[in-house]
Amino acid sequence: MKKSPKMWTMAFLGTTCKSDIVYNNLCEAFNSSIVEARFKSIIRMLEDIRTKMMTRIVQKRKLYNGWNQNYGPLVKAKFDTNKKDHVDGN
């Protein structure tokens, strides 16, 4: 290996966002999900946001529990396609 593992291993990467696009997309997605709650009183708004976040966490947990691998079905499909294309291409 020409490069130290500290250069490419996730354990050594920083937690700060390196791309404004990723950060902006996360903000846009969050803001669009709380549009209705933003016009309510502060307590009601926070309660709505909390409820939405808890509901989302439960839905995602149910989805993840159905996985047979450590990655999702979309990633598996892409991997299988690339694997098939690579094997068929040679």
PDB file of N, CA and C in Angstrom:
ATOM      1  N   MET A   1       0.835  -1.180   0.000  1.00  0.00           N
ATOM      2  CA  MET A   1       0.000   0.000   0.000  1.00  0.00           C
ATOM      3  C   MET A   1       0.877   1.240   0.000  1.00  0.00           C
ATOM      4  N   LYS A   2       0.543   2.147  -0.880  1.00  0.00           N
ATOM      5  CA  LYS A   2       1.307   3.383  -0.959  1.00  0.00           C
ATOM      6  C   LYS A   2       0.851   4.406   0.071  1.00  0.00           C
ATOM      7  N   LYS A   3      -0.419   4.353   0.453  1.00  0.00           N
ATOM      8  CA  LYS A   3      -0.965   5.320   1.407  1.00  0.00           C
ATOM      9  C   LYS A   3      -1.254   4.647   2.734  1.00  0.00           C
ATOM     10  N   SER A   4      -1.075   5.406   3.775  1.00  0.00           N
ATOM     11  CA  SER A   4      -1.382   4.928   5.113  1.00  0.00           C
ATOM     12  C   SER A   4      -2.896   4.743   5.257  1.00  0.00           C
ATOM     13  N   PRO A   5      -3.345   3.756   6.045  1.00  0.00           N
ATOM     14  CA  PRO A   5      -4.790   3.580   6.252  1.00  0.00           C
ATOM     15  C   PRO A   5      -5.455   4.826   6.830  1.00  0.00           C
ATOM     16  N   LYS A   6      -4.688   5.692   7.483  1.00  0.00           N
ATOM     17  CA  LYS A   6      -5.272   6.920   8.030  1.00  0.00           C
ATOM     18  C   LYS A   6      -5.787   7.841   6.932  1.00  0.00           C
ATOM     19  N   MET A   7      -5.358   7.607   5.702  1.00  0.00           N
ATOM     20  CA  MET A   7      -5.786   8.449   4.595  1.00  0.00           C
ATOM     21  C   MET A   7      -7.140   8.035   4.036  1.00  0.00           C
ATOM     22  N   TRP A   8      -7.530   6.762   4.192  1.00  0.00           N
ATOM     23  CA  TRP A   8      -8.756   6.304   3.559  1.00  0.00           C
ATOM     24  C   TRP A   8      -9.686   5.503   4.461  1.00  0.00           C
ATOM     25  N   THR A   9      -9.325   5.247   5.693  1.00  0.00           N
ATOM     26  CA  THR A   9     -10.169   4.478   6.602  1.00  0.00           C
ATOM     27  C   THR A   9     -11.172   5.403   7.281  1.00  0.00           C
ATOM     28  N   MET A  10     -12.443   4.989   7.303  1.00  0.00           N
ATOM     29  CA  MET A  10     -13.503   5.822   7.887  1.00  0.00           C
ATOM     30  C   MET A  10     -13.237   6.179   9.347  1.00  0.00           C
ATOM     31  N   ALA A  11     -12.580   5.300  10.082  1.00  0.00           N
ATOM     32  CA  ALA A  11     -12.327   5.549  11.498  1.00  0.00           C
ATOM     33  C   ALA A  11     -11.466   6.789  11.711  1.00  0.00           C
ATOM     34  N   PHE A  12     -10.689   7.167  10.705  1.00  0.00           N
ATOM     35  CA  PHE A  12      -9.785   8.304  10.845  1.00  0.00           C
ATOM     36  C   PHE A  12     -10.290   9.566  10.161  1.00  0.00           C
ATOM     37  N   LEU A  13     -11.441   9.492   9.515  1.00  0.00           N
ATOM     38  CA  LEU A  13     -11.990  10.669   8.850  1.00  0.00           C
ATOM     39  C   LEU A  13     -12.696  11.565   9.854  1.00  0.00           C
ATOM     40  N   GLY A  14     -12.674  12.845   9.607  1.00  0.00           N
ATOM     41  CA  GLY A  14     -13.344  13.802  10.485  1.00  0.00           C
ATOM     42  C   GLY A  14     -14.853  13.724  10.355  1.00  0.00           C
ATOM     43  N   THR A  15     -15.537  14.308  11.314  1.00  0.00           N
ATOM     44  CA  THR A  15     -17.000  14.278  11.296  1.00  0.00           C
ATOM     45  C   THR A  15     -17.596  15.532  10.678  1.00  0.00           C
ATOM     46  N   THR A  16     -16.781  16.514  10.354  1.00  0.00           N
ATOM     47  CA  THR A  16     -17.306  17.736   9.745  1.00  0.00           C
ATOM     48  C   THR A  16     -17.634  17.489   8.285  1.00  0.00           C
ATOM     49  N   CYS A  17     -18.640  18.176   7.813  1.00  0.00           N
ATOM     50  CA  CYS A  17     -19.095  18.028   6.436  1.00  0.00           C
ATOM     51  C   CYS A  17     -18.079  18.654   5.482  1.00  0.00           C
ATOM     52  N   LYS A  18     -17.691  17.921   4.468  1.00  0.00           N
ATOM     53  CA  LYS A  18     -16.709  18.409   3.498  1.00  0.00           C
ATOM     54  C   LYS A  18     -17.380  18.989   2.257  1.00  0.00           C
ATOM     55  N   SER A  19     -18.676  18.806   2.140  1.00  0.00           N
ATOM     56  CA  SER A  19     -19.389  19.272   0.960  1.00  0.00           C
ATOM     57  C   SER A  19     -20.618  20.078   1.370  1.00  0.00           C
ATOM     58  N   ASP A  20     -20.694  21.299   0.875  1.00  0.00           N
ATOM     59  CA  ASP A  20     -21.858  22.136   1.171  1.00  0.00           C
ATOM     60  C   ASP A  20     -23.127  21.556   0.572  1.00  0.00           C
ATOM     61  N   ILE A  21     -23.001  20.826  -0.520  1.00  0.00           N
ATOM     62  CA  ILE A  21     -24.169  20.255  -1.183  1.00  0.00           C
ATOM     63  C   ILE A  21     -24.846  19.238  -0.272  1.00  0.00           C
ATOM     64  N   VAL A  22     -24.070  18.371   0.353  1.00  0.00           N
ATOM     65  CA  VAL A  22     -24.634  17.361   1.253  1.00  0.00           C
ATOM     66  C   VAL A  22     -25.312  18.041   2.426  1.00  0.00           C
ATOM     67  N   TYR A  23     -24.628  19.005   3.028  1.00  0.00           N
ATOM     68  CA  TYR A  23     -25.176  19.723   4.174  1.00  0.00           C
ATOM     69  C   TYR A  23     -26.453  20.451   3.783  1.00  0.00           C
ATOM     70  N   ASN A  24     -26.458  21.111   2.656  1.00  0.00           N
ATOM     71  CA  ASN A  24     -27.618  21.863   2.202  1.00  0.00           C
ATOM     72  C   ASN A  24     -28.784  20.930   1.898  1.00  0.00           C
ATOM     73  N   ASN A  25     -28.524  19.779   1.281  1.00  0.00           N
ATOM     74  CA  ASN A  25     -29.596  18.828   0.993  1.00  0.00           C
ATOM     75  C   ASN A  25     -30.238  18.306   2.268  1.00  0.00           C
ATOM     76  N   LEU A  26     -29.429  18.053   3.298  1.00  0.00           N
ATOM     77  CA  LEU A  26     -29.985  17.596   4.574  1.00  0.00           C
ATOM     78  C   LEU A  26     -30.876  18.678   5.180  1.00  0.00           C
ATOM     79  N   CYS A  27     -30.420  19.918   5.131  1.00  0.00           N
ATOM     80  CA  CYS A  27     -31.221  21.019   5.670  1.00  0.00           C
ATOM     81  C   CYS A  27     -32.520  21.190   4.894  1.00  0.00           C
ATOM     82  N   GLU A  28     -32.423  21.113   3.566  1.00  0.00           N
ATOM     83  CA  GLU A  28     -33.615  21.256   2.731  1.00  0.00           C
ATOM     84  C   GLU A  28     -34.625  20.145   3.022  1.00  0.00           C
ATOM     85  N   ALA A  29     -34.150  18.924   3.164  1.00  0.00           N
ATOM     86  CA  ALA A  29     -35.043  17.806   3.437  1.00  0.00           C
ATOM     87  C   ALA A  29     -35.717  17.970   4.795  1.00  0.00           C
ATOM     88  N   PHE A  30     -34.938  18.378   5.801  1.00  0.00           N
ATOM     89  CA  PHE A  30     -35.518  18.572   7.130  1.00  0.00           C
ATOM     90  C   PHE A  30     -36.527  19.712   7.109  1.00  0.00           C
ATOM     91  N   ASN A  31     -36.161  20.842   6.514  1.00  0.00           N
ATOM     92  CA  ASN A  31     -37.057  21.996   6.478  1.00  0.00           C
ATOM     93  C   ASN A  31     -38.355  21.683   5.740  1.00  0.00           C
ATOM     94  N   SER A  32     -38.273  20.912   4.662  1.00  0.00           N
ATOM     95  CA  SER A  32     -39.493  20.584   3.925  1.00  0.00           C
ATOM     96  C   SER A  32     -40.395  19.639   4.722  1.00  0.00           C
ATOM     97  N   SER A  33     -39.800  18.872   5.634  1.00  0.00           N
ATOM     98  CA  SER A  33     -40.618  17.946   6.423  1.00  0.00           C
ATOM     99  C   SER A  33     -41.323  18.622   7.590  1.00  0.00           C
ATOM    100  N   ILE A  34     -40.911  19.838   7.933  1.00  0.00           N
ATOM    101  CA  ILE A  34     -41.527  20.520   9.077  1.00  0.00           C
ATOM    102  C   ILE A  34     -42.285  21.786   8.678  1.00  0.00           C
ATOM    103  N   VAL A  35     -42.628  21.912   7.407  1.00  0.00           N
ATOM    104  CA  VAL A  35     -43.301  23.123   6.926  1.00  0.00           C
ATOM    105  C   VAL A  35     -44.580  23.403   7.709  1.00  0.00           C
ATOM    106  N   GLU A  36     -45.414  22.402   7.887  1.00  0.00           N
ATOM    107  CA  GLU A  36     -46.686  22.609   8.587  1.00  0.00           C
ATOM    108  C   GLU A  36     -46.458  22.996  10.043  1.00  0.00           C
ATOM    109  N   ALA A  37     -45.482  22.366  10.681  1.00  0.00           N
ATOM    110  CA  ALA A  37     -45.231  22.617  12.100  1.00  0.00           C
ATOM    111  C   ALA A  37     -44.660  24.011  12.346  1.00  0.00           C
ATOM    112  N   ARG A  38     -44.021  24.595  11.366  1.00  0.00           N
ATOM    113  CA  ARG A  38     -43.361  25.892  11.559  1.00  0.00           C
ATOM    114  C   ARG A  38     -44.343  27.027  11.831  1.00  0.00           C
ATOM    115  N   PHE A  39     -45.593  26.846  11.496  1.00  0.00           N
ATOM    116  CA  PHE A  39     -46.582  27.906  11.685  1.00  0.00           C
ATOM    117  C   PHE A  39     -47.366  27.757  12.984  1.00  0.00           C
ATOM    118  N   LYS A  40     -46.974  26.813  13.809  1.00  0.00           N
ATOM    119  CA  LYS A  40     -47.662  26.592  15.082  1.00  0.00           C
ATOM    120  C   LYS A  40     -46.887  27.258  16.212  1.00  0.00           C
ATOM    121  N   SER A  41     -47.470  27.239  17.394  1.00  0.00           N
ATOM    122  CA  SER A  41     -46.762  27.773  18.560  1.00  0.00           C
ATOM    123  C   SER A  41     -45.521  26.921  18.820  1.00  0.00           C
ATOM    124  N   ILE A  42     -44.562  27.460  19.545  1.00  0.00           N
ATOM    125  CA  ILE A  42     -43.273  26.791  19.716  1.00  0.00           C
ATOM    126  C   ILE A  42     -43.414  25.406  20.358  1.00  0.00           C
ATOM    127  N   ILE A  43     -44.240  25.276  21.368  1.00  0.00           N
ATOM    128  CA  ILE A  43     -44.415  23.982  22.041  1.00  0.00           C
ATOM    129  C   ILE A  43     -45.044  22.979  21.091  1.00  0.00           C
ATOM    130  N   ARG A  44     -46.084  23.387  20.389  1.00  0.00           N
ATOM    131  CA  ARG A  44     -46.773  22.508  19.441  1.00  0.00           C
ATOM    132  C   ARG A  44     -45.833  22.145  18.285  1.00  0.00           C
ATOM    133  N   MET A  45     -45.035  23.109  17.813  1.00  0.00           N
ATOM    134  CA  MET A  45     -44.088  22.861  16.735  1.00  0.00           C
ATOM    135  C   MET A  45     -43.060  21.806  17.158  1.00  0.00           C
ATOM    136  N   LEU A  46     -42.476  21.980  18.328  1.00  0.00           N
ATOM    137  CA  LEU A  46     -41.479  21.027  18.819  1.00  0.00           C
ATOM    138  C   LEU A  46     -42.086  19.646  19.030  1.00  0.00           C
ATOM    139  N   GLU A  47     -43.317  19.614  19.523  1.00  0.00           N
ATOM    140  CA  GLU A  47     -44.002  18.327  19.718  1.00  0.00           C
ATOM    141  C   GLU A  47     -44.251  17.627  18.380  1.00  0.00           C
ATOM    142  N   ASP A  48     -44.666  18.387  17.359  1.00  0.00           N
ATOM    143  CA  ASP A  48     -44.881  17.809  16.025  1.00  0.00           C
ATOM    144  C   ASP A  48     -43.581  17.278  15.434  1.00  0.00           C
ATOM    145  N   ILE A  49     -42.513  18.039  15.574  1.00  0.00           N
ATOM    146  CA  ILE A  49     -41.208  17.608  15.048  1.00  0.00           C
ATOM    147  C   ILE A  49     -40.747  16.348  15.774  1.00  0.00           C
ATOM    148  N   ARG A  50     -40.900  16.324  17.094  1.00  0.00           N
ATOM    149  CA  ARG A  50     -40.509  15.150  17.881  1.00  0.00           C
ATOM    150  C   ARG A  50     -41.297  13.917  17.442  1.00  0.00           C
ATOM    151  N   THR A  51     -42.593  14.082  17.253  1.00  0.00           N
ATOM    152  CA  THR A  51     -43.448  12.972  16.834  1.00  0.00           C
ATOM    153  C   THR A  51     -43.040  12.462  15.452  1.00  0.00           C
ATOM    154  N   LYS A  52     -42.780  13.380  14.522  1.00  0.00           N
ATOM    155  CA  LYS A  52     -42.369  12.972  13.184  1.00  0.00           C
ATOM    156  C   LYS A  52     -41.043  12.231  13.207  1.00  0.00           C
ATOM    157  N   MET A  53     -40.103  12.725  13.993  1.00  0.00           N
ATOM    158  CA  MET A  53     -38.793  12.075  14.070  1.00  0.00           C
ATOM    159  C   MET A  53     -38.904  10.677  14.693  1.00  0.00           C
ATOM    160  N   MET A  54     -39.699  10.556  15.741  1.00  0.00           N
ATOM    161  CA  MET A  54     -39.874   9.252  16.387  1.00  0.00           C
ATOM    162  C   MET A  54     -40.549   8.265  15.435  1.00  0.00           C
ATOM    163  N   THR A  55     -41.546   8.725  14.704  1.00  0.00           N
ATOM    164  CA  THR A  55     -42.240   7.880  13.743  1.00  0.00           C
ATOM    165  C   THR A  55     -41.284   7.423  12.647  1.00  0.00           C
ATOM    166  N   ARG A  56     -40.458   8.347  12.174  1.00  0.00           N
ATOM    167  CA  ARG A  56     -39.485   8.008  11.129  1.00  0.00           C
ATOM    168  C   ARG A  56     -38.469   6.977  11.629  1.00  0.00           C
ATOM    169  N   ILE A  57     -38.000   7.139  12.850  1.00  0.00           N
ATOM    170  CA  ILE A  57     -37.034   6.198  13.421  1.00  0.00           C
ATOM    171  C   ILE A  57     -37.638   4.799  13.509  1.00  0.00           C
ATOM    172  N   VAL A  58     -38.891   4.712  13.961  1.00  0.00           N
ATOM    173  CA  VAL A  58     -39.560   3.409  14.071  1.00  0.00           C
ATOM    174  C   VAL A  58     -39.741   2.782  12.689  1.00  0.00           C
ATOM    175  N   GLN A  59     -40.163   3.567  11.702  1.00  0.00           N
ATOM    176  CA  GLN A  59     -40.351   3.042  10.347  1.00  0.00           C
ATOM    177  C   GLN A  59     -39.037   2.530   9.770  1.00  0.00           C
ATOM    178  N   LYS A  60     -37.969   3.300   9.937  1.00  0.00           N
ATOM    179  CA  LYS A  60     -36.658   2.892   9.414  1.00  0.00           C
ATOM    180  C   LYS A  60     -36.142   1.653  10.136  1.00  0.00           C
ATOM    181  N   ARG A  61     -36.363   1.568  11.441  1.00  0.00           N
ATOM    182  CA  ARG A  61     -35.914   0.391  12.201  1.00  0.00           C
ATOM    183  C   ARG A  61     -36.626  -0.865  11.708  1.00  0.00           C
ATOM    184  N   LYS A  62     -37.937  -0.758  11.449  1.00  0.00           N
ATOM    185  CA  LYS A  62     -38.680  -1.909  10.916  1.00  0.00           C
ATOM    186  C   LYS A  62     -38.138  -2.313   9.554  1.00  0.00           C
ATOM    187  N   LEU A  63     -37.830  -1.327   8.728  1.00  0.00           N
ATOM    188  CA  LEU A  63     -37.272  -1.603   7.405  1.00  0.00           C
ATOM    189  C   LEU A  63     -35.913  -2.282   7.521  1.00  0.00           C
ATOM    190  N   TYR A  64     -35.031  -1.762   8.380  1.00  0.00           N
ATOM    191  CA  TYR A  64     -33.681  -2.307   8.532  1.00  0.00           C
ATOM    192  C   TYR A  64     -33.703  -3.710   9.119  1.00  0.00           C
ATOM    193  N   ASN A  65     -34.636  -3.995   9.994  1.00  0.00           N
ATOM    194  CA  ASN A  65     -34.702  -5.321  10.605  1.00  0.00           C
ATOM    195  C   ASN A  65     -35.009  -6.407   9.582  1.00  0.00           C
ATOM    196  N   GLY A  66     -35.572  -6.026   8.441  1.00  0.00           N
ATOM    197  CA  GLY A  66     -35.879  -6.993   7.400  1.00  0.00           C
ATOM    198  C   GLY A  66     -34.707  -7.305   6.485  1.00  0.00           C
ATOM    199  N   TRP A  67     -33.603  -6.588   6.650  1.00  0.00           N
ATOM    200  CA  TRP A  67     -32.440  -6.819   5.790  1.00  0.00           C
ATOM    201  C   TRP A  67     -31.709  -8.081   6.204  1.00  0.00           C
ATOM    202  N   ASN A  68     -31.201  -8.806   5.218  1.00  0.00           N
ATOM    203  CA  ASN A  68     -30.409 -10.003   5.477  1.00  0.00           C
ATOM    204  C   ASN A  68     -28.918  -9.704   5.514  1.00  0.00           C
ATOM    205  N   GLN A  69     -28.522  -8.548   4.985  1.00  0.00           N
ATOM    206  CA  GLN A  69     -27.118  -8.152   4.946  1.00  0.00           C
ATOM    207  C   GLN A  69     -26.917  -6.900   5.791  1.00  0.00           C
ATOM    208  N   ASN A  70     -25.683  -6.410   5.794  1.00  0.00           N
ATOM    209  CA  ASN A  70     -25.372  -5.180   6.522  1.00  0.00           C
ATOM    210  C   ASN A  70     -25.603  -3.947   5.665  1.00  0.00           C
ATOM    211  N   TYR A  71     -26.223  -4.115   4.506  1.00  0.00           N
ATOM    212  CA  TYR A  71     -26.487  -3.008   3.605  1.00  0.00           C
ATOM    213  C   TYR A  71     -27.877  -3.195   3.020  1.00  0.00           C
ATOM    214  N   GLY A  72     -28.397  -2.138   2.434  1.00  0.00           N
ATOM    215  CA  GLY A  72     -29.761  -2.148   1.955  1.00  0.00           C
ATOM    216  C   GLY A  72     -29.958  -2.845   0.625  1.00  0.00           C
ATOM    217  N   PRO A  73     -31.209  -3.082   0.267  1.00  0.00           N
ATOM    218  CA  PRO A  73     -31.526  -3.792  -0.975  1.00  0.00           C
ATOM    219  C   PRO A  73     -31.119  -3.011  -2.227  1.00  0.00           C
ATOM    220  N   LEU A  74     -31.159  -1.680  -2.197  1.00  0.00           N
ATOM    221  CA  LEU A  74     -30.743  -0.901  -3.364  1.00  0.00           C
ATOM    222  C   LEU A  74     -29.248  -1.051  -3.607  1.00  0.00           C
ATOM    223  N   VAL A  75     -28.465  -1.019  -2.536  1.00  0.00           N
ATOM    224  CA  VAL A  75     -27.022  -1.213  -2.662  1.00  0.00           C
ATOM    225  C   VAL A  75     -26.738  -2.622  -3.168  1.00  0.00           C
ATOM    226  N   LYS A  76     -27.455  -3.611  -2.646  1.00  0.00           N
ATOM    227  CA  LYS A  76     -27.273  -5.003  -3.082  1.00  0.00           C
ATOM    228  C   LYS A  76     -27.602  -5.143  -4.561  1.00  0.00           C
ATOM    229  N   ALA A  77     -28.668  -4.509  -5.019  1.00  0.00           N
ATOM    230  CA  ALA A  77     -29.050  -4.589  -6.432  1.00  0.00           C
ATOM    231  C   ALA A  77     -27.966  -3.974  -7.319  1.00  0.00           C
ATOM    232  N   LYS A  78     -27.423  -2.816  -6.916  1.00  0.00           N
ATOM    233  CA  LYS A  78     -26.345  -2.195  -7.685  1.00  0.00           C
ATOM    234  C   LYS A  78     -25.116  -3.089  -7.704  1.00  0.00           C
ATOM    235  N   PHE A  79     -24.792  -3.655  -6.569  1.00  0.00           N
ATOM    236  CA  PHE A  79     -23.635  -4.553  -6.478  1.00  0.00           C
ATOM    237  C   PHE A  79     -23.818  -5.757  -7.392  1.00  0.00           C
ATOM    238  N   ASP A  80     -25.001  -6.359  -7.336  1.00  0.00           N
ATOM    239  CA  ASP A  80     -25.269  -7.543  -8.168  1.00  0.00           C
ATOM    240  C   ASP A  80     -25.199  -7.192  -9.658  1.00  0.00           C
ATOM    241  N   THR A  81     -25.729  -6.021 -10.027  1.00  0.00           N
ATOM    242  CA  THR A  81     -25.681  -5.585 -11.421  1.00  0.00           C
ATOM    243  C   THR A  81     -24.242  -5.379 -11.868  1.00  0.00           C
ATOM    244  N   ASN A  82     -23.462  -4.667 -11.057  1.00  0.00           N
ATOM    245  CA  ASN A  82     -22.058  -4.430 -11.394  1.00  0.00           C
ATOM    246  C   ASN A  82     -21.273  -5.740 -11.452  1.00  0.00           C
ATOM    247  N   LYS A  83     -21.570  -6.628 -10.539  1.00  0.00           N
ATOM    248  CA  LYS A  83     -20.891  -7.931 -10.501  1.00  0.00           C
ATOM    249  C   LYS A  83     -21.232  -8.725 -11.773  1.00  0.00           C
ATOM    250  N   LYS A  84     -22.524  -8.736 -12.135  1.00  0.00           N
ATOM    251  CA  LYS A  84     -22.964  -9.460 -13.322  1.00  0.00           C
ATOM    252  C   LYS A  84     -22.327  -8.849 -14.570  1.00  0.00           C
ATOM    253  N   ASP A  85     -22.338  -7.515 -14.667  1.00  0.00           N
ATOM    254  CA  ASP A  85     -21.749  -6.833 -15.834  1.00  0.00           C
ATOM    255  C   ASP A  85     -20.252  -7.128 -15.933  1.00  0.00           C
ATOM    256  N   HIS A  86     -19.596  -7.164 -14.823  1.00  0.00           N
ATOM    257  CA  HIS A  86     -18.156  -7.410 -14.820  1.00  0.00           C
ATOM    258  C   HIS A  86     -17.850  -8.842 -15.253  1.00  0.00           C
ATOM    259  N   VAL A  87     -18.609  -9.786 -14.729  1.00  0.00           N
ATOM    260  CA  VAL A  87     -18.394 -11.197 -15.069  1.00  0.00           C
ATOM    261  C   VAL A  87     -18.752 -11.439 -16.531  1.00  0.00           C
ATOM    262  N   ASP A  88     -19.878 -10.864 -16.977  1.00  0.00           N
ATOM    263  CA  ASP A  88     -20.317 -11.052 -18.366  1.00  0.00           C
ATOM    264  C   ASP A  88     -19.405 -10.333 -19.355  1.00  0.00           C
ATOM    265  N   GLY A  89     -18.806  -9.211 -18.914  1.00  0.00           N
ATOM    266  CA  GLY A  89     -17.961  -8.412 -19.793  1.00  0.00           C
ATOM    267  C   GLY A  89     -16.618  -9.044 -20.084  1.00  0.00           C
ATOM    268  N   ASN A  90     -16.163  -9.944 -19.230  1.00  0.00           N
ATOM    269  CA  ASN A  90     -14.830 -10.549 -19.440  1.00  0.00           C
ATOM    270  C   ASN A  90     -14.900 -11.815 -20.219  1.00  0.00           C
TER     271      ASN A  90
END
